[in-house]
Amino acid sequence: MKKNTYLLLILLLGVQMISFAQYDAKAKEILDAMSNKYKNISAYKAKFSTSLVNREDGVNETFSGEITIKGDKYILDTEDQTVINNGTTVWTYLPDVNEVNIDVYDPDEDEITPSNIFDEYKKGYKYIWLETTTQDGVTCDVLDLVPNDTKNNQFFKIKMVIASRDKTLKKWTMFEKSGNQHIYTISDFKGNISVSDAAFKFDASKYPNVEVVDLR
């Protein structure tokens, strides 16, 4: 009888631990506060760096850029390309060949980017608070997001570093099953900037002789 009672207690404890890992109240509170912070900012701009790391294959590549966001619109600037999204249409400008590709924006096919990472945890993830750490001299909370559907997801985990005081996202790392790690670090964040809706549309007149490839 005692043996069965101990077994039942162990099973119940295991269920509680799994439930905690899926519905970590502290992690949810932090993630909700972060998401609400960015939703309540009319428009913002930030610089970022992103690295592709694969220790097994000896890969370590880094590039930087800047992103401007207003609602569901964004401008993503890097050395290799500029991506402009007004919520319905996407323009991808390639300066090396002076070419712009135009396509219909499909949010269901959108990759995880600095423009949508703030709400990614709402799209079928378990989440758990791990620890407190310091990022660039700022006290931060570290959380893990694990997709519910690990079989059909390219990433098996996303690690997020969020400033404890003002809930700004400082850094996140996406872990691929292949061993690749995509590391994003945010810097020079500027909130409530002034930017017109017209800025979120490619202006071909500013790019003489640009080749336009319309894929719509």
N, C-alpha and C. Protein backbone atom coordinates (compact mmCIF):
# COMPACT_ATOMS: atom_id res chain seq x y z
N MET A 1 0.83 -1.19 0.00
CA MET A 1 0.00 0.00 0.00
C MET A 1 0.86 1.25 0.00
N LYS A 2 1.91 1.26 0.87
CA LYS A 2 2.82 2.40 0.92
C LYS A 2 3.51 2.60 -0.41
N LYS A 3 3.89 1.48 -1.03
CA LYS A 3 4.60 1.54 -2.31
C LYS A 3 3.73 2.24 -3.35
N ASN A 4 2.42 1.87 -3.37
CA ASN A 4 1.50 2.48 -4.32
C ASN A 4 1.29 3.96 -4.03
N THR A 5 1.27 4.31 -2.73
CA THR A 5 1.10 5.72 -2.34
C THR A 5 2.29 6.54 -2.79
N TYR A 6 3.53 6.03 -2.58
CA TYR A 6 4.74 6.73 -3.01
C TYR A 6 4.75 6.90 -4.52
N LEU A 7 4.32 5.86 -5.24
CA LEU A 7 4.29 5.92 -6.69
C LEU A 7 3.31 7.00 -7.16
N LEU A 8 2.15 7.09 -6.49
CA LEU A 8 1.16 8.10 -6.84
C LEU A 8 1.69 9.50 -6.60
N LEU A 9 2.40 9.69 -5.48
CA LEU A 9 2.97 11.00 -5.16
C LEU A 9 4.00 11.41 -6.20
N ILE A 10 4.83 10.45 -6.62
CA ILE A 10 5.86 10.73 -7.63
C ILE A 10 5.21 11.14 -8.94
N LEU A 11 4.14 10.40 -9.32
CA LEU A 11 3.44 10.72 -10.57
C LEU A 11 2.81 12.10 -10.50
N LEU A 12 2.19 12.42 -9.37
CA LEU A 12 1.57 13.73 -9.20
C LEU A 12 2.61 14.84 -9.26
N LEU A 13 3.75 14.62 -8.63
CA LEU A 13 4.83 15.60 -8.64
C LEU A 13 5.33 15.81 -10.05
N GLY A 14 5.44 14.71 -10.80
CA GLY A 14 5.89 14.81 -12.18
C GLY A 14 4.92 15.62 -13.02
N VAL A 15 3.63 15.41 -12.81
CA VAL A 15 2.62 16.17 -13.55
C VAL A 15 2.71 17.64 -13.21
N GLN A 16 2.91 17.97 -11.93
CA GLN A 16 3.03 19.36 -11.50
C GLN A 16 4.24 20.02 -12.12
N MET A 17 5.36 19.30 -12.21
CA MET A 17 6.58 19.85 -12.78
C MET A 17 6.41 20.12 -14.27
N ILE A 18 5.74 19.19 -14.99
CA ILE A 18 5.48 19.39 -16.41
C ILE A 18 4.57 20.60 -16.62
N SER A 19 3.53 20.70 -15.76
CA SER A 19 2.60 21.81 -15.87
C SER A 19 3.32 23.13 -15.63
N PHE A 20 4.23 23.15 -14.66
CA PHE A 20 4.98 24.36 -14.35
C PHE A 20 5.84 24.76 -15.54
N ALA A 21 6.45 23.77 -16.19
CA ALA A 21 7.31 24.06 -17.33
C ALA A 21 6.51 24.63 -18.49
N GLN A 22 5.24 24.22 -18.59
CA GLN A 22 4.40 24.69 -19.69
C GLN A 22 3.76 26.04 -19.39
N TYR A 23 3.41 26.26 -18.13
CA TYR A 23 2.65 27.45 -17.77
C TYR A 23 3.32 28.16 -16.59
N ASP A 24 4.56 28.58 -16.81
CA ASP A 24 5.32 29.27 -15.79
C ASP A 24 4.75 30.67 -15.62
N ALA A 25 4.12 30.92 -14.47
CA ALA A 25 3.43 32.19 -14.25
C ALA A 25 4.40 33.37 -14.27
N LYS A 26 5.59 33.19 -13.72
CA LYS A 26 6.57 34.28 -13.70
C LYS A 26 7.03 34.61 -15.12
N ALA A 27 7.27 33.58 -15.92
CA ALA A 27 7.69 33.80 -17.30
C ALA A 27 6.58 34.51 -18.08
N LYS A 28 5.34 34.09 -17.89
CA LYS A 28 4.22 34.70 -18.61
C LYS A 28 4.06 36.16 -18.22
N GLU A 29 4.22 36.46 -16.97
CA GLU A 29 4.10 37.86 -16.50
C GLU A 29 5.15 38.75 -17.18
N ILE A 30 6.37 38.25 -17.28
CA ILE A 30 7.46 39.01 -17.91
C ILE A 30 7.20 39.16 -19.41
N LEU A 31 6.80 38.07 -20.06
CA LEU A 31 6.55 38.10 -21.51
C LEU A 31 5.37 39.01 -21.85
N ASP A 32 4.32 38.96 -21.06
CA ASP A 32 3.16 39.83 -21.29
C ASP A 32 3.55 41.30 -21.12
N ALA A 33 4.35 41.59 -20.09
CA ALA A 33 4.78 42.97 -19.85
C ALA A 33 5.64 43.47 -21.01
N MET A 34 6.52 42.61 -21.52
CA MET A 34 7.35 42.97 -22.67
C MET A 34 6.49 43.25 -23.89
N SER A 35 5.55 42.34 -24.19
CA SER A 35 4.69 42.49 -25.35
C SER A 35 3.87 43.77 -25.27
N ASN A 36 3.27 44.02 -24.09
CA ASN A 36 2.46 45.22 -23.90
C ASN A 36 3.28 46.50 -24.04
N LYS A 37 4.53 46.45 -23.59
CA LYS A 37 5.39 47.62 -23.69
C LYS A 37 5.54 48.05 -25.15
N TYR A 38 5.86 47.09 -26.01
CA TYR A 38 6.10 47.43 -27.41
C TYR A 38 4.81 47.79 -28.14
N LYS A 39 3.70 47.19 -27.73
CA LYS A 39 2.42 47.53 -28.36
C LYS A 39 1.99 48.96 -28.03
N ASN A 40 2.41 49.46 -26.88
CA ASN A 40 2.01 50.79 -26.45
C ASN A 40 2.96 51.89 -26.93
N ILE A 41 3.98 51.51 -27.69
CA ILE A 41 4.88 52.49 -28.28
C ILE A 41 4.42 52.74 -29.71
N SER A 42 4.19 54.00 -30.06
CA SER A 42 3.64 54.31 -31.38
C SER A 42 4.56 53.86 -32.51
N ALA A 43 5.84 54.12 -32.35
CA ALA A 43 6.85 53.70 -33.34
C ALA A 43 8.21 53.70 -32.66
N TYR A 44 9.10 52.84 -33.11
CA TYR A 44 10.43 52.79 -32.48
C TYR A 44 11.47 52.34 -33.48
N LYS A 45 12.71 52.63 -33.11
CA LYS A 45 13.85 52.28 -33.95
C LYS A 45 14.93 51.69 -33.06
N ALA A 46 15.68 50.74 -33.59
CA ALA A 46 16.76 50.14 -32.81
C ALA A 46 17.82 49.58 -33.74
N LYS A 47 19.04 49.56 -33.26
CA LYS A 47 20.12 48.90 -33.97
C LYS A 47 20.21 47.47 -33.44
N PHE A 48 20.67 46.56 -34.28
CA PHE A 48 20.81 45.19 -33.84
C PHE A 48 22.00 44.54 -34.54
N SER A 49 22.50 43.51 -33.91
CA SER A 49 23.50 42.65 -34.56
C SER A 49 22.96 41.23 -34.51
N THR A 50 23.28 40.46 -35.53
CA THR A 50 22.84 39.07 -35.55
C THR A 50 24.01 38.18 -35.95
N SER A 51 24.11 37.06 -35.28
CA SER A 51 25.21 36.13 -35.53
C SER A 51 24.66 34.75 -35.85
N LEU A 52 25.30 34.08 -36.78
CA LEU A 52 25.02 32.66 -37.06
C LEU A 52 26.20 31.87 -36.53
N VAL A 53 25.94 31.03 -35.55
CA VAL A 53 26.99 30.26 -34.89
C VAL A 53 26.68 28.78 -34.98
N ASN A 54 27.68 28.00 -35.39
CA ASN A 54 27.60 26.54 -35.33
C ASN A 54 28.97 26.05 -34.87
N ARG A 55 29.07 25.75 -33.60
CA ARG A 55 30.37 25.41 -33.00
C ARG A 55 30.95 24.13 -33.60
N GLU A 56 30.08 23.19 -33.92
CA GLU A 56 30.56 21.92 -34.47
C GLU A 56 31.19 22.11 -35.85
N ASP A 57 30.60 23.01 -36.65
CA ASP A 57 31.10 23.26 -38.00
C ASP A 57 32.06 24.44 -38.07
N GLY A 58 32.33 25.07 -36.94
CA GLY A 58 33.26 26.19 -36.91
C GLY A 58 32.73 27.45 -37.59
N VAL A 59 31.39 27.62 -37.57
CA VAL A 59 30.78 28.79 -38.22
C VAL A 59 30.53 29.88 -37.19
N ASN A 60 30.92 31.11 -37.53
CA ASN A 60 30.65 32.26 -36.67
C ASN A 60 30.61 33.51 -37.54
N GLU A 61 29.42 33.85 -38.03
CA GLU A 61 29.25 34.98 -38.93
C GLU A 61 28.34 36.02 -38.28
N THR A 62 28.73 37.30 -38.40
CA THR A 62 27.96 38.36 -37.76
C THR A 62 27.73 39.51 -38.73
N PHE A 63 26.53 40.07 -38.70
CA PHE A 63 26.27 41.31 -39.42
C PHE A 63 25.33 42.15 -38.58
N SER A 64 25.23 43.43 -38.91
CA SER A 64 24.42 44.34 -38.11
C SER A 64 23.43 45.08 -38.99
N GLY A 65 22.50 45.76 -38.36
CA GLY A 65 21.51 46.49 -39.10
C GLY A 65 20.69 47.39 -38.19
N GLU A 66 19.62 47.92 -38.76
CA GLU A 66 18.73 48.81 -38.02
C GLU A 66 17.30 48.50 -38.42
N ILE A 67 16.39 48.58 -37.48
CA ILE A 67 14.99 48.30 -37.78
C ILE A 67 14.12 49.43 -37.24
N THR A 68 13.13 49.82 -38.03
CA THR A 68 12.13 50.80 -37.64
C THR A 68 10.77 50.13 -37.71
N ILE A 69 9.98 50.28 -36.65
CA ILE A 69 8.70 49.57 -36.55
C ILE A 69 7.59 50.55 -36.16
N LYS A 70 6.47 50.42 -36.85
CA LYS A 70 5.26 51.20 -36.52
C LYS A 70 4.06 50.29 -36.74
N GLY A 71 3.46 49.84 -35.66
CA GLY A 71 2.35 48.90 -35.77
C GLY A 71 2.79 47.62 -36.46
N ASP A 72 2.11 47.26 -37.55
CA ASP A 72 2.49 46.05 -38.29
C ASP A 72 3.40 46.37 -39.47
N LYS A 73 3.92 47.59 -39.52
CA LYS A 73 4.82 48.01 -40.59
C LYS A 73 6.26 48.01 -40.07
N TYR A 74 7.22 47.71 -40.96
CA TYR A 74 8.61 47.81 -40.54
C TYR A 74 9.54 48.04 -41.72
N ILE A 75 10.71 48.61 -41.40
CA ILE A 75 11.81 48.77 -42.34
C ILE A 75 13.02 48.11 -41.72
N LEU A 76 13.57 47.12 -42.42
CA LEU A 76 14.73 46.39 -41.93
C LEU A 76 15.91 46.69 -42.85
N ASP A 77 16.92 47.38 -42.31
CA ASP A 77 18.09 47.80 -43.09
C ASP A 77 19.32 47.02 -42.67
N THR A 78 19.98 46.38 -43.64
CA THR A 78 21.28 45.76 -43.41
C THR A 78 22.19 46.17 -44.55
N GLU A 79 23.43 45.77 -44.47
CA GLU A 79 24.39 46.11 -45.52
C GLU A 79 23.99 45.49 -46.86
N ASP A 80 23.39 44.31 -46.83
CA ASP A 80 23.09 43.57 -48.06
C ASP A 80 21.73 43.87 -48.65
N GLN A 81 20.78 44.34 -47.82
CA GLN A 81 19.44 44.55 -48.34
C GLN A 81 18.63 45.47 -47.42
N THR A 82 17.55 46.00 -47.99
CA THR A 82 16.57 46.75 -47.24
C THR A 82 15.21 46.12 -47.48
N VAL A 83 14.53 45.76 -46.40
CA VAL A 83 13.20 45.15 -46.50
C VAL A 83 12.19 46.13 -45.93
N ILE A 84 11.19 46.48 -46.75
CA ILE A 84 10.13 47.40 -46.32
C ILE A 84 8.81 46.66 -46.37
N ASN A 85 8.07 46.70 -45.27
CA ASN A 85 6.80 45.98 -45.17
C ASN A 85 5.75 46.95 -44.64
N ASN A 86 4.69 47.17 -45.42
CA ASN A 86 3.63 48.08 -44.96
C ASN A 86 2.40 47.33 -44.44
N GLY A 87 2.56 46.03 -44.21
CA GLY A 87 1.47 45.22 -43.68
C GLY A 87 0.73 44.44 -44.74
N THR A 88 0.87 44.85 -46.00
CA THR A 88 0.22 44.13 -47.11
C THR A 88 1.20 43.79 -48.23
N THR A 89 2.22 44.65 -48.41
CA THR A 89 3.21 44.46 -49.47
C THR A 89 4.61 44.51 -48.90
N VAL A 90 5.51 43.69 -49.48
CA VAL A 90 6.91 43.67 -49.04
C VAL A 90 7.80 44.03 -50.22
N TRP A 91 8.69 44.99 -50.00
CA TRP A 91 9.70 45.37 -50.98
C TRP A 91 11.06 44.94 -50.45
N THR A 92 11.83 44.22 -51.22
CA THR A 92 13.19 43.83 -50.83
C THR A 92 14.16 44.43 -51.83
N TYR A 93 14.91 45.41 -51.36
CA TYR A 93 15.85 46.11 -52.24
C TYR A 93 17.26 45.57 -52.04
N LEU A 94 17.91 45.22 -53.17
CA LEU A 94 19.27 44.67 -53.15
C LEU A 94 20.21 45.70 -53.76
N PRO A 95 20.96 46.44 -52.95
CA PRO A 95 21.80 47.53 -53.46
C PRO A 95 22.90 47.08 -54.41
N ASP A 96 23.44 45.87 -54.21
CA ASP A 96 24.55 45.40 -55.06
C ASP A 96 24.15 45.30 -56.53
N VAL A 97 22.88 44.99 -56.78
CA VAL A 97 22.42 44.84 -58.17
C VAL A 97 21.37 45.89 -58.54
N ASN A 98 21.10 46.81 -57.60
CA ASN A 98 20.10 47.87 -57.79
C ASN A 98 18.78 47.27 -58.29
N GLU A 99 18.28 46.33 -57.49
CA GLU A 99 17.05 45.62 -57.84
C GLU A 99 16.11 45.58 -56.64
N VAL A 100 14.81 45.73 -56.90
CA VAL A 100 13.82 45.60 -55.84
C VAL A 100 12.80 44.53 -56.24
N ASN A 101 12.55 43.61 -55.33
CA ASN A 101 11.54 42.58 -55.52
C ASN A 101 10.30 42.96 -54.72
N ILE A 102 9.14 42.89 -55.36
CA ILE A 102 7.88 43.24 -54.71
C ILE A 102 7.04 41.99 -54.57
N ASP A 103 6.50 41.78 -53.37
CA ASP A 103 5.68 40.58 -53.15
C ASP A 103 4.56 40.91 -52.18
N VAL A 104 3.54 40.05 -52.17
CA VAL A 104 2.45 40.18 -51.21
C VAL A 104 2.92 39.68 -49.86
N TYR A 105 2.61 40.40 -48.82
CA TYR A 105 3.00 39.99 -47.47
C TYR A 105 2.03 38.94 -46.94
N ASP A 106 2.55 37.80 -46.55
CA ASP A 106 1.77 36.73 -45.96
C ASP A 106 2.26 36.50 -44.54
N PRO A 107 1.53 36.97 -43.53
CA PRO A 107 2.00 36.83 -42.15
C PRO A 107 2.20 35.39 -41.71
N ASP A 108 1.50 34.45 -42.36
CA ASP A 108 1.65 33.04 -42.00
C ASP A 108 3.01 32.48 -42.42
N GLU A 109 3.66 33.15 -43.38
CA GLU A 109 4.96 32.69 -43.86
C GLU A 109 6.11 33.53 -43.30
N ASP A 110 5.78 34.49 -42.45
CA ASP A 110 6.80 35.40 -41.94
C ASP A 110 7.74 34.67 -40.99
N GLU A 111 9.03 34.91 -41.14
CA GLU A 111 10.01 34.33 -40.24
C GLU A 111 10.06 35.15 -38.95
N ILE A 112 10.72 34.58 -37.95
CA ILE A 112 10.90 35.31 -36.71
C ILE A 112 11.96 36.39 -36.94
N THR A 113 11.60 37.64 -36.72
CA THR A 113 12.49 38.77 -36.97
C THR A 113 12.42 39.73 -35.79
N PRO A 114 13.29 40.77 -35.78
CA PRO A 114 13.17 41.78 -34.72
C PRO A 114 11.84 42.51 -34.71
N SER A 115 11.05 42.37 -35.79
CA SER A 115 9.76 43.06 -35.84
C SER A 115 8.62 42.26 -35.20
N ASN A 116 8.78 40.95 -35.02
CA ASN A 116 7.68 40.16 -34.49
C ASN A 116 8.06 39.26 -33.31
N ILE A 117 9.30 39.31 -32.89
CA ILE A 117 9.76 38.43 -31.82
C ILE A 117 9.02 38.69 -30.51
N PHE A 118 8.50 39.91 -30.33
CA PHE A 118 7.86 40.29 -29.08
C PHE A 118 6.58 39.50 -28.79
N ASP A 119 5.94 38.97 -29.84
CA ASP A 119 4.71 38.21 -29.65
C ASP A 119 4.87 36.74 -30.00
N GLU A 120 6.07 36.30 -30.28
CA GLU A 120 6.29 34.92 -30.71
C GLU A 120 5.85 33.90 -29.67
N TYR A 121 5.97 34.24 -28.39
CA TYR A 121 5.64 33.30 -27.33
C TYR A 121 4.16 32.91 -27.33
N LYS A 122 3.31 33.72 -28.00
CA LYS A 122 1.88 33.45 -28.03
C LYS A 122 1.51 32.42 -29.11
N LYS A 123 2.48 32.00 -29.90
CA LYS A 123 2.20 31.17 -31.08
C LYS A 123 2.56 29.70 -30.85
N GLY A 124 2.10 29.15 -29.75
CA GLY A 124 2.28 27.71 -29.52
C GLY A 124 3.59 27.35 -28.85
N TYR A 125 3.92 28.03 -27.76
CA TYR A 125 5.16 27.75 -27.04
C TYR A 125 4.89 27.50 -25.56
N LYS A 126 5.68 26.62 -24.98
CA LYS A 126 5.82 26.53 -23.54
C LYS A 126 6.88 27.55 -23.16
N TYR A 127 6.84 28.08 -21.95
CA TYR A 127 7.86 29.05 -21.54
C TYR A 127 8.16 28.89 -20.06
N ILE A 128 9.41 29.15 -19.72
CA ILE A 128 9.85 29.00 -18.34
C ILE A 128 10.94 30.02 -18.02
N TRP A 129 10.86 30.59 -16.82
CA TRP A 129 11.88 31.51 -16.33
C TRP A 129 13.07 30.70 -15.85
N LEU A 130 14.30 31.12 -16.23
CA LEU A 130 15.50 30.36 -15.87
C LEU A 130 16.33 31.02 -14.78
N GLU A 131 16.67 32.30 -14.99
CA GLU A 131 17.60 32.94 -14.06
C GLU A 131 17.63 34.45 -14.30
N THR A 132 18.37 35.13 -13.41
CA THR A 132 18.67 36.55 -13.58
C THR A 132 20.12 36.68 -14.01
N THR A 133 20.38 37.55 -14.97
CA THR A 133 21.74 37.75 -15.45
C THR A 133 21.95 39.23 -15.75
N THR A 134 23.13 39.57 -16.25
CA THR A 134 23.44 40.95 -16.61
C THR A 134 23.81 41.03 -18.08
N GLN A 135 23.17 41.93 -18.82
CA GLN A 135 23.44 42.15 -20.24
C GLN A 135 23.78 43.62 -20.44
N ASP A 136 25.03 43.89 -20.83
CA ASP A 136 25.49 45.27 -21.03
C ASP A 136 25.24 46.13 -19.79
N GLY A 137 25.48 45.55 -18.61
CA GLY A 137 25.34 46.28 -17.37
C GLY A 137 23.92 46.39 -16.86
N VAL A 138 22.97 45.74 -17.55
CA VAL A 138 21.56 45.83 -17.18
C VAL A 138 21.09 44.48 -16.62
N THR A 139 20.41 44.50 -15.47
CA THR A 139 19.87 43.28 -14.88
C THR A 139 18.72 42.76 -15.73
N CYS A 140 18.79 41.49 -16.09
CA CYS A 140 17.82 40.91 -17.02
C CYS A 140 17.31 39.56 -16.54
N ASP A 141 16.12 39.21 -17.00
CA ASP A 141 15.55 37.88 -16.79
C ASP A 141 15.80 37.03 -18.03
N VAL A 142 16.15 35.78 -17.82
CA VAL A 142 16.40 34.84 -18.92
C VAL A 142 15.27 33.81 -18.94
N LEU A 143 14.65 33.65 -20.12
CA LEU A 143 13.54 32.71 -20.27
C LEU A 143 13.78 31.81 -21.48
N ASP A 144 13.24 30.62 -21.42
CA ASP A 144 13.27 29.70 -22.55
C ASP A 144 11.86 29.53 -23.11
N LEU A 145 11.74 29.57 -24.44
CA LEU A 145 10.51 29.22 -25.13
C LEU A 145 10.76 27.91 -25.87
N VAL A 146 9.87 26.95 -25.71
CA VAL A 146 9.99 25.65 -26.38
C VAL A 146 8.69 25.40 -27.15
N PRO A 147 8.76 25.18 -28.46
CA PRO A 147 7.54 24.99 -29.24
C PRO A 147 6.79 23.73 -28.83
N ASN A 148 5.46 23.84 -28.85
CA ASN A 148 4.64 22.66 -28.55
C ASN A 148 4.82 21.59 -29.63
N ASP A 149 4.94 22.05 -30.88
CA ASP A 149 5.11 21.13 -32.00
C ASP A 149 6.60 21.10 -32.39
N THR A 150 7.38 20.31 -31.68
CA THR A 150 8.82 20.25 -31.94
C THR A 150 9.14 19.53 -33.25
N LYS A 151 8.23 18.65 -33.68
CA LYS A 151 8.48 17.86 -34.88
C LYS A 151 8.51 18.72 -36.13
N ASN A 152 7.59 19.69 -36.23
CA ASN A 152 7.46 20.49 -37.44
C ASN A 152 8.03 21.90 -37.29
N ASN A 153 8.79 22.12 -36.24
CA ASN A 153 9.38 23.43 -36.02
C ASN A 153 10.88 23.38 -36.28
N GLN A 154 11.37 24.36 -37.01
CA GLN A 154 12.79 24.43 -37.34
C GLN A 154 13.65 24.62 -36.09
N PHE A 155 13.09 25.33 -35.11
CA PHE A 155 13.83 25.63 -33.89
C PHE A 155 13.29 24.80 -32.72
N PHE A 156 14.19 24.29 -31.90
CA PHE A 156 13.74 23.52 -30.75
C PHE A 156 13.70 24.35 -29.49
N LYS A 157 14.26 25.59 -29.56
CA LYS A 157 14.24 26.45 -28.38
C LYS A 157 14.57 27.88 -28.78
N ILE A 158 13.96 28.84 -28.07
CA ILE A 158 14.34 30.25 -28.18
C ILE A 158 14.65 30.75 -26.78
N LYS A 159 15.85 31.28 -26.59
CA LYS A 159 16.23 31.84 -25.29
C LYS A 159 16.14 33.35 -25.37
N MET A 160 15.41 33.97 -24.43
CA MET A 160 15.19 35.40 -24.45
C MET A 160 15.78 36.06 -23.21
N VAL A 161 16.39 37.22 -23.40
CA VAL A 161 16.97 38.00 -22.31
C VAL A 161 16.24 39.34 -22.28
N ILE A 162 15.49 39.59 -21.19
CA ILE A 162 14.60 40.75 -21.09
C ILE A 162 15.00 41.59 -19.89
N ALA A 163 15.16 42.90 -20.09
CA ALA A 163 15.53 43.81 -19.00
C ALA A 163 14.49 43.74 -17.89
N SER A 164 14.94 43.52 -16.66
CA SER A 164 14.02 43.33 -15.53
C SER A 164 13.24 44.60 -15.21
N ARG A 165 13.87 45.76 -15.37
CA ARG A 165 13.23 47.01 -14.95
C ARG A 165 12.20 47.51 -15.96
N ASP A 166 12.61 47.67 -17.21
CA ASP A 166 11.70 48.29 -18.18
C ASP A 166 11.13 47.32 -19.22
N LYS A 167 11.50 46.02 -19.10
CA LYS A 167 10.95 44.95 -19.95
C LYS A 167 11.29 45.11 -21.43
N THR A 168 12.39 45.79 -21.75
CA THR A 168 12.86 45.82 -23.13
C THR A 168 13.60 44.52 -23.43
N LEU A 169 13.49 44.07 -24.66
CA LEU A 169 14.16 42.84 -25.09
C LEU A 169 15.60 43.19 -25.45
N LYS A 170 16.55 42.57 -24.78
CA LYS A 170 17.96 42.88 -25.01
C LYS A 170 18.62 41.90 -25.98
N LYS A 171 18.19 40.64 -25.92
CA LYS A 171 18.87 39.62 -26.73
C LYS A 171 17.99 38.38 -26.82
N TRP A 172 18.09 37.67 -27.95
CA TRP A 172 17.46 36.36 -28.02
C TRP A 172 18.28 35.45 -28.93
N THR A 173 18.21 34.15 -28.65
CA THR A 173 18.94 33.14 -29.42
C THR A 173 17.97 32.05 -29.85
N MET A 174 17.98 31.75 -31.16
CA MET A 174 17.14 30.69 -31.69
C MET A 174 18.01 29.48 -32.01
N PHE A 175 17.66 28.34 -31.46
CA PHE A 175 18.46 27.12 -31.58
C PHE A 175 17.82 26.19 -32.61
N GLU A 176 18.54 25.92 -33.70
CA GLU A 176 18.05 25.01 -34.73
C GLU A 176 18.45 23.57 -34.40
N LYS A 177 17.67 22.64 -34.92
CA LYS A 177 17.99 21.22 -34.74
C LYS A 177 19.30 20.86 -35.43
N SER A 178 19.67 21.63 -36.45
CA SER A 178 20.90 21.37 -37.20
C SER A 178 22.16 21.74 -36.42
N GLY A 179 21.99 22.44 -35.30
CA GLY A 179 23.15 22.90 -34.53
C GLY A 179 23.41 24.39 -34.72
N ASN A 180 22.73 25.02 -35.68
CA ASN A 180 22.88 26.46 -35.88
C ASN A 180 22.22 27.24 -34.74
N GLN A 181 22.87 28.32 -34.35
CA GLN A 181 22.29 29.25 -33.40
C GLN A 181 22.23 30.63 -34.04
N HIS A 182 21.04 31.24 -34.01
CA HIS A 182 20.86 32.59 -34.54
C HIS A 182 20.73 33.53 -33.34
N ILE A 183 21.72 34.39 -33.17
CA ILE A 183 21.79 35.25 -31.99
C ILE A 183 21.54 36.70 -32.39
N TYR A 184 20.52 37.33 -31.78
CA TYR A 184 20.19 38.72 -32.05
C TYR A 184 20.43 39.54 -30.78
N THR A 185 21.11 40.67 -30.94
CA THR A 185 21.35 41.57 -29.82
C THR A 185 20.85 42.96 -30.20
N ILE A 186 20.00 43.54 -29.36
CA ILE A 186 19.41 44.85 -29.61
C ILE A 186 20.19 45.93 -28.87
N SER A 187 20.42 47.07 -29.57
CA SER A 187 21.11 48.20 -28.92
C SER A 187 20.53 49.50 -29.44
N ASP A 188 20.80 50.59 -28.75
CA ASP A 188 20.41 51.94 -29.16
C ASP A 188 18.92 52.01 -29.47
N PHE A 189 18.11 51.53 -28.53
CA PHE A 189 16.66 51.53 -28.71
C PHE A 189 16.10 52.94 -28.52
N LYS A 190 15.26 53.39 -29.47
CA LYS A 190 14.62 54.71 -29.39
C LYS A 190 13.12 54.52 -29.57
N GLY A 191 12.36 54.83 -28.52
CA GLY A 191 10.92 54.64 -28.56
C GLY A 191 10.17 55.91 -28.88
N ASN A 192 8.91 55.75 -29.34
CA ASN A 192 8.01 56.85 -29.67
C ASN A 192 8.65 57.87 -30.61
N ILE A 193 9.26 57.36 -31.68
CA ILE A 193 9.84 58.24 -32.68
C ILE A 193 8.74 58.70 -33.65
N SER A 194 9.03 59.74 -34.41
CA SER A 194 8.08 60.24 -35.40
C SER A 194 8.45 59.69 -36.76
N VAL A 195 7.55 58.93 -37.37
CA VAL A 195 7.78 58.37 -38.70
C VAL A 195 6.43 58.25 -39.41
N SER A 196 6.37 58.71 -40.66
CA SER A 196 5.11 58.72 -41.40
C SER A 196 4.84 57.35 -42.01
N ASP A 197 3.58 57.08 -42.32
CA ASP A 197 3.21 55.83 -42.97
C ASP A 197 3.84 55.72 -44.36
N ALA A 198 4.07 56.86 -44.99
CA ALA A 198 4.65 56.88 -46.33
C ALA A 198 6.06 56.30 -46.35
N ALA A 199 6.73 56.33 -45.22
CA ALA A 199 8.10 55.80 -45.14
C ALA A 199 8.12 54.30 -45.36
N PHE A 200 6.98 53.64 -45.16
CA PHE A 200 6.91 52.18 -45.27
C PHE A 200 6.44 51.75 -46.66
N LYS A 201 6.96 52.43 -47.65
CA LYS A 201 6.69 52.09 -49.04
C LYS A 201 7.92 52.43 -49.85
N PHE A 202 8.34 51.51 -50.70
CA PHE A 202 9.55 51.73 -51.50
C PHE A 202 9.30 52.84 -52.52
N ASP A 203 10.19 53.83 -52.53
CA ASP A 203 10.10 54.96 -53.46
C ASP A 203 11.14 54.78 -54.56
N ALA A 204 10.71 54.27 -55.71
CA ALA A 204 11.64 53.96 -56.80
C ALA A 204 12.34 55.21 -57.33
N SER A 205 11.74 56.39 -57.14
CA SER A 205 12.34 57.62 -57.66
C SER A 205 13.66 57.96 -56.96
N LYS A 206 13.87 57.36 -55.79
CA LYS A 206 15.12 57.60 -55.05
C LYS A 206 16.25 56.68 -55.50
N TYR A 207 15.94 55.76 -56.41
CA TYR A 207 16.92 54.78 -56.86
C TYR A 207 16.94 54.77 -58.40
N PRO A 208 17.71 55.67 -59.00
CA PRO A 208 17.75 55.78 -60.47
C PRO A 208 18.08 54.44 -61.15
N ASN A 209 17.33 54.11 -62.18
CA ASN A 209 17.55 52.90 -62.98
C ASN A 209 17.35 51.60 -62.20
N VAL A 210 16.63 51.66 -61.10
CA VAL A 210 16.40 50.44 -60.33
C VAL A 210 15.57 49.47 -61.15
N GLU A 211 15.92 48.18 -61.08
CA GLU A 211 15.15 47.14 -61.76
C GLU A 211 14.05 46.66 -60.81
N VAL A 212 12.82 46.73 -61.27
CA VAL A 212 11.68 46.34 -60.45
C VAL A 212 11.21 44.95 -60.87
N VAL A 213 11.20 44.01 -59.93
CA VAL A 213 10.72 42.65 -60.18
C VAL A 213 9.46 42.44 -59.35
N ASP A 214 8.32 42.47 -60.03
CA ASP A 214 7.03 42.35 -59.34
C ASP A 214 6.62 40.88 -59.30
N LEU A 215 6.61 40.31 -58.11
CA LEU A 215 6.29 38.89 -57.92
C LEU A 215 4.86 38.66 -57.45
N ARG A 216 4.07 39.70 -57.42
CA ARG A 216 2.70 39.57 -56.94
C ARG A 216 1.80 38.85 -57.96
